[in-house]
Amino acid sequence: MRTRTFRQPASARPSPEDTVPTTHQVLVNHEGQYALYPAARETPDGWTPAGFDGTEDACAAFVDAHWPDTRPLSLRGA
């Protein structure tokens, strides 16, 4: 008796980021807005590392502590 192996399409398989704990970094843009981003990836244009990396929860706590006013810089002074 032959058995068939079912393979999920690539789009249905979890990405490595979904299965392996990911270290995140905190990024900041020219408007003073923060974002969490996988540390293993190249920093996207327009963003600068804020100097903190760790778990997603640790990065979120860093952002919460350092970004109390979530309005862009251009609106904070108005």
N, C-alpha and C. Protein backbone atom coordinates (compact mmCIF):
# COMPACT_ATOMS: atom_id res chain seq x y z
N MET A 1 0.83 -1.17 0.00
CA MET A 1 0.00 0.00 0.00
C MET A 1 0.88 1.24 0.00
N ARG A 2 0.55 2.18 -0.86
CA ARG A 2 1.31 3.42 -0.96
C ARG A 2 0.63 4.50 -0.13
N THR A 3 1.43 5.30 0.48
CA THR A 3 0.88 6.44 1.21
C THR A 3 1.24 7.71 0.45
N ARG A 4 0.37 8.65 0.54
CA ARG A 4 0.63 9.93 -0.12
C ARG A 4 1.04 10.95 0.92
N THR A 5 2.00 11.72 0.57
CA THR A 5 2.45 12.79 1.45
C THR A 5 1.83 14.08 0.97
N PHE A 6 1.16 14.72 1.87
CA PHE A 6 0.55 16.01 1.54
C PHE A 6 1.50 17.12 1.96
N ARG A 7 1.79 18.00 1.05
CA ARG A 7 2.65 19.15 1.35
C ARG A 7 1.82 20.41 1.24
N GLN A 8 1.92 21.22 2.24
CA GLN A 8 1.21 22.50 2.20
C GLN A 8 1.88 23.41 1.18
N PRO A 9 1.10 24.24 0.52
CA PRO A 9 1.72 25.23 -0.36
C PRO A 9 2.59 26.17 0.47
N ALA A 10 3.60 26.71 -0.17
CA ALA A 10 4.54 27.57 0.55
C ALA A 10 3.83 28.71 1.28
N SER A 11 2.78 29.23 0.70
CA SER A 11 2.07 30.34 1.34
C SER A 11 1.35 29.92 2.61
N ALA A 12 1.07 28.63 2.80
CA ALA A 12 0.36 28.15 3.98
C ALA A 12 1.33 27.70 5.08
N ARG A 13 2.58 27.53 4.74
CA ARG A 13 3.56 27.10 5.74
C ARG A 13 3.97 28.29 6.60
N PRO A 14 4.20 28.07 7.88
CA PRO A 14 4.65 29.18 8.72
C PRO A 14 6.04 29.63 8.31
N SER A 15 6.28 30.91 8.38
CA SER A 15 7.61 31.43 8.07
C SER A 15 8.51 31.16 9.26
N PRO A 16 9.82 31.20 9.06
CA PRO A 16 10.73 30.99 10.19
C PRO A 16 10.49 31.98 11.32
N GLU A 17 10.05 33.19 11.00
CA GLU A 17 9.78 34.19 12.03
C GLU A 17 8.61 33.77 12.91
N ASP A 18 7.70 32.95 12.37
CA ASP A 18 6.55 32.49 13.15
C ASP A 18 6.90 31.33 14.07
N THR A 19 7.96 30.60 13.78
CA THR A 19 8.27 29.41 14.54
C THR A 19 9.51 29.56 15.42
N VAL A 20 10.36 30.51 15.14
CA VAL A 20 11.58 30.71 15.90
C VAL A 20 11.44 32.02 16.67
N PRO A 21 11.78 32.03 17.96
CA PRO A 21 11.70 33.30 18.69
C PRO A 21 12.54 34.36 17.98
N THR A 22 11.96 35.51 17.77
CA THR A 22 12.61 36.57 17.02
C THR A 22 13.05 37.68 17.97
N THR A 23 14.28 38.10 17.82
CA THR A 23 14.75 39.28 18.53
C THR A 23 14.30 40.49 17.73
N HIS A 24 13.72 41.43 18.41
CA HIS A 24 13.26 42.65 17.76
C HIS A 24 14.17 43.80 18.12
N GLN A 25 14.11 44.82 17.30
CA GLN A 25 14.79 46.07 17.61
C GLN A 25 13.76 47.18 17.55
N VAL A 26 14.05 48.24 18.26
CA VAL A 26 13.18 49.41 18.24
C VAL A 26 13.76 50.39 17.24
N LEU A 27 12.92 50.86 16.33
CA LEU A 27 13.33 51.84 15.33
C LEU A 27 12.57 53.13 15.59
N VAL A 28 13.14 54.23 15.11
CA VAL A 28 12.49 55.53 15.21
C VAL A 28 12.66 56.24 13.86
N ASN A 29 11.64 57.00 13.45
CA ASN A 29 11.75 57.73 12.19
C ASN A 29 11.92 59.22 12.44
N HIS A 30 11.98 60.03 11.38
CA HIS A 30 12.24 61.46 11.51
C HIS A 30 11.11 62.20 12.22
N GLU A 31 9.94 61.59 12.34
CA GLU A 31 8.81 62.19 13.04
C GLU A 31 8.75 61.75 14.51
N GLY A 32 9.78 61.01 14.95
CA GLY A 32 9.81 60.55 16.33
C GLY A 32 8.85 59.42 16.63
N GLN A 33 8.40 58.73 15.58
CA GLN A 33 7.51 57.59 15.74
C GLN A 33 8.34 56.33 15.89
N TYR A 34 7.90 55.44 16.76
CA TYR A 34 8.64 54.22 17.05
C TYR A 34 7.98 53.02 16.38
N ALA A 35 8.79 52.00 16.13
CA ALA A 35 8.29 50.75 15.55
C ALA A 35 9.15 49.60 16.05
N LEU A 36 8.55 48.42 16.14
CA LEU A 36 9.29 47.19 16.43
C LEU A 36 9.57 46.50 15.11
N TYR A 37 10.78 45.97 14.96
CA TYR A 37 11.17 45.37 13.69
C TYR A 37 12.09 44.20 13.98
N PRO A 38 11.99 43.11 13.23
CA PRO A 38 12.92 41.98 13.46
C PRO A 38 14.37 42.43 13.35
N ALA A 39 15.16 42.12 14.36
CA ALA A 39 16.55 42.58 14.41
C ALA A 39 17.41 41.98 13.30
N ALA A 40 17.03 40.81 12.80
CA ALA A 40 17.83 40.15 11.76
C ALA A 40 17.66 40.80 10.39
N ARG A 41 16.65 41.62 10.25
CA ARG A 41 16.40 42.25 8.95
C ARG A 41 17.12 43.59 8.85
N GLU A 42 17.40 43.97 7.61
CA GLU A 42 18.04 45.26 7.36
C GLU A 42 17.06 46.38 7.71
N THR A 43 17.58 47.42 8.34
CA THR A 43 16.75 48.55 8.73
C THR A 43 16.16 49.21 7.49
N PRO A 44 14.85 49.41 7.45
CA PRO A 44 14.23 50.01 6.27
C PRO A 44 14.59 51.50 6.14
N ASP A 45 14.54 51.98 4.92
CA ASP A 45 14.81 53.39 4.66
C ASP A 45 13.87 54.26 5.49
N GLY A 46 14.41 55.35 6.00
CA GLY A 46 13.61 56.29 6.77
C GLY A 46 13.54 55.97 8.25
N TRP A 47 14.14 54.87 8.68
CA TRP A 47 14.11 54.46 10.07
C TRP A 47 15.53 54.34 10.60
N THR A 48 15.71 54.59 11.89
CA THR A 48 17.01 54.51 12.55
C THR A 48 16.87 53.65 13.80
N PRO A 49 17.83 52.78 14.09
CA PRO A 49 17.75 52.02 15.34
C PRO A 49 17.75 52.97 16.54
N ALA A 50 16.88 52.71 17.50
CA ALA A 50 16.78 53.53 18.70
C ALA A 50 17.73 53.06 19.79
N GLY A 51 18.48 51.99 19.53
CA GLY A 51 19.47 51.52 20.48
C GLY A 51 18.95 50.51 21.48
N PHE A 52 17.82 49.88 21.18
CA PHE A 52 17.28 48.87 22.08
C PHE A 52 16.82 47.68 21.27
N ASP A 53 17.15 46.49 21.74
CA ASP A 53 16.64 45.27 21.12
C ASP A 53 16.38 44.24 22.19
N GLY A 54 15.52 43.28 21.88
CA GLY A 54 15.17 42.24 22.83
C GLY A 54 13.92 41.51 22.36
N THR A 55 13.19 40.95 23.31
CA THR A 55 11.95 40.27 22.95
C THR A 55 10.93 41.31 22.50
N GLU A 56 9.88 40.84 21.87
CA GLU A 56 8.82 41.76 21.44
C GLU A 56 8.23 42.49 22.63
N ASP A 57 8.00 41.78 23.72
CA ASP A 57 7.44 42.40 24.93
C ASP A 57 8.38 43.45 25.52
N ALA A 58 9.67 43.14 25.57
CA ALA A 58 10.65 44.10 26.11
C ALA A 58 10.73 45.35 25.24
N CYS A 59 10.68 45.15 23.93
CA CYS A 59 10.72 46.29 23.01
C CYS A 59 9.46 47.14 23.14
N ALA A 60 8.31 46.48 23.30
CA ALA A 60 7.06 47.22 23.48
C ALA A 60 7.10 48.03 24.77
N ALA A 61 7.67 47.47 25.82
CA ALA A 61 7.79 48.20 27.09
C ALA A 61 8.71 49.40 26.92
N PHE A 62 9.79 49.24 26.17
CA PHE A 62 10.71 50.36 25.89
C PHE A 62 9.97 51.48 25.17
N VAL A 63 9.21 51.11 24.15
CA VAL A 63 8.45 52.11 23.39
C VAL A 63 7.44 52.81 24.30
N ASP A 64 6.72 52.05 25.11
CA ASP A 64 5.75 52.64 26.03
C ASP A 64 6.41 53.66 26.96
N ALA A 65 7.62 53.37 27.41
CA ALA A 65 8.32 54.25 28.33
C ALA A 65 8.91 55.49 27.65
N HIS A 66 9.22 55.39 26.36
CA HIS A 66 9.92 56.48 25.68
C HIS A 66 9.07 57.26 24.68
N TRP A 67 7.83 56.85 24.49
CA TRP A 67 6.98 57.49 23.49
C TRP A 67 5.60 57.77 24.07
N PRO A 68 5.52 58.65 25.07
CA PRO A 68 4.23 58.90 25.71
C PRO A 68 3.25 59.67 24.83
N ASP A 69 3.77 60.52 23.96
CA ASP A 69 2.92 61.31 23.05
C ASP A 69 3.09 60.74 21.66
N THR A 70 2.10 60.01 21.18
CA THR A 70 2.24 59.28 19.92
C THR A 70 2.00 60.12 18.68
N ARG A 71 1.74 61.40 18.87
CA ARG A 71 1.59 62.26 17.68
C ARG A 71 2.94 62.45 17.01
N PRO A 72 2.96 62.59 15.68
CA PRO A 72 4.22 62.89 14.99
C PRO A 72 4.82 64.21 15.51
N LEU A 73 6.14 64.36 15.42
CA LEU A 73 6.80 65.58 15.88
C LEU A 73 6.19 66.83 15.24
N SER A 74 5.84 66.73 13.98
CA SER A 74 5.30 67.89 13.27
C SER A 74 3.98 68.38 13.87
N LEU A 75 3.27 67.53 14.60
CA LEU A 75 2.02 67.93 15.24
C LEU A 75 2.17 68.26 16.71
N ARG A 76 3.25 67.82 17.33
CA ARG A 76 3.43 68.08 18.76
C ARG A 76 3.66 69.54 19.06
N GLY A 77 4.34 70.24 18.18
CA GLY A 77 4.65 71.64 18.41
C GLY A 77 3.52 72.57 18.02
N ALA A 78 2.51 72.04 17.36
CA ALA A 78 1.41 72.89 16.86
C ALA A 78 0.46 73.29 17.96
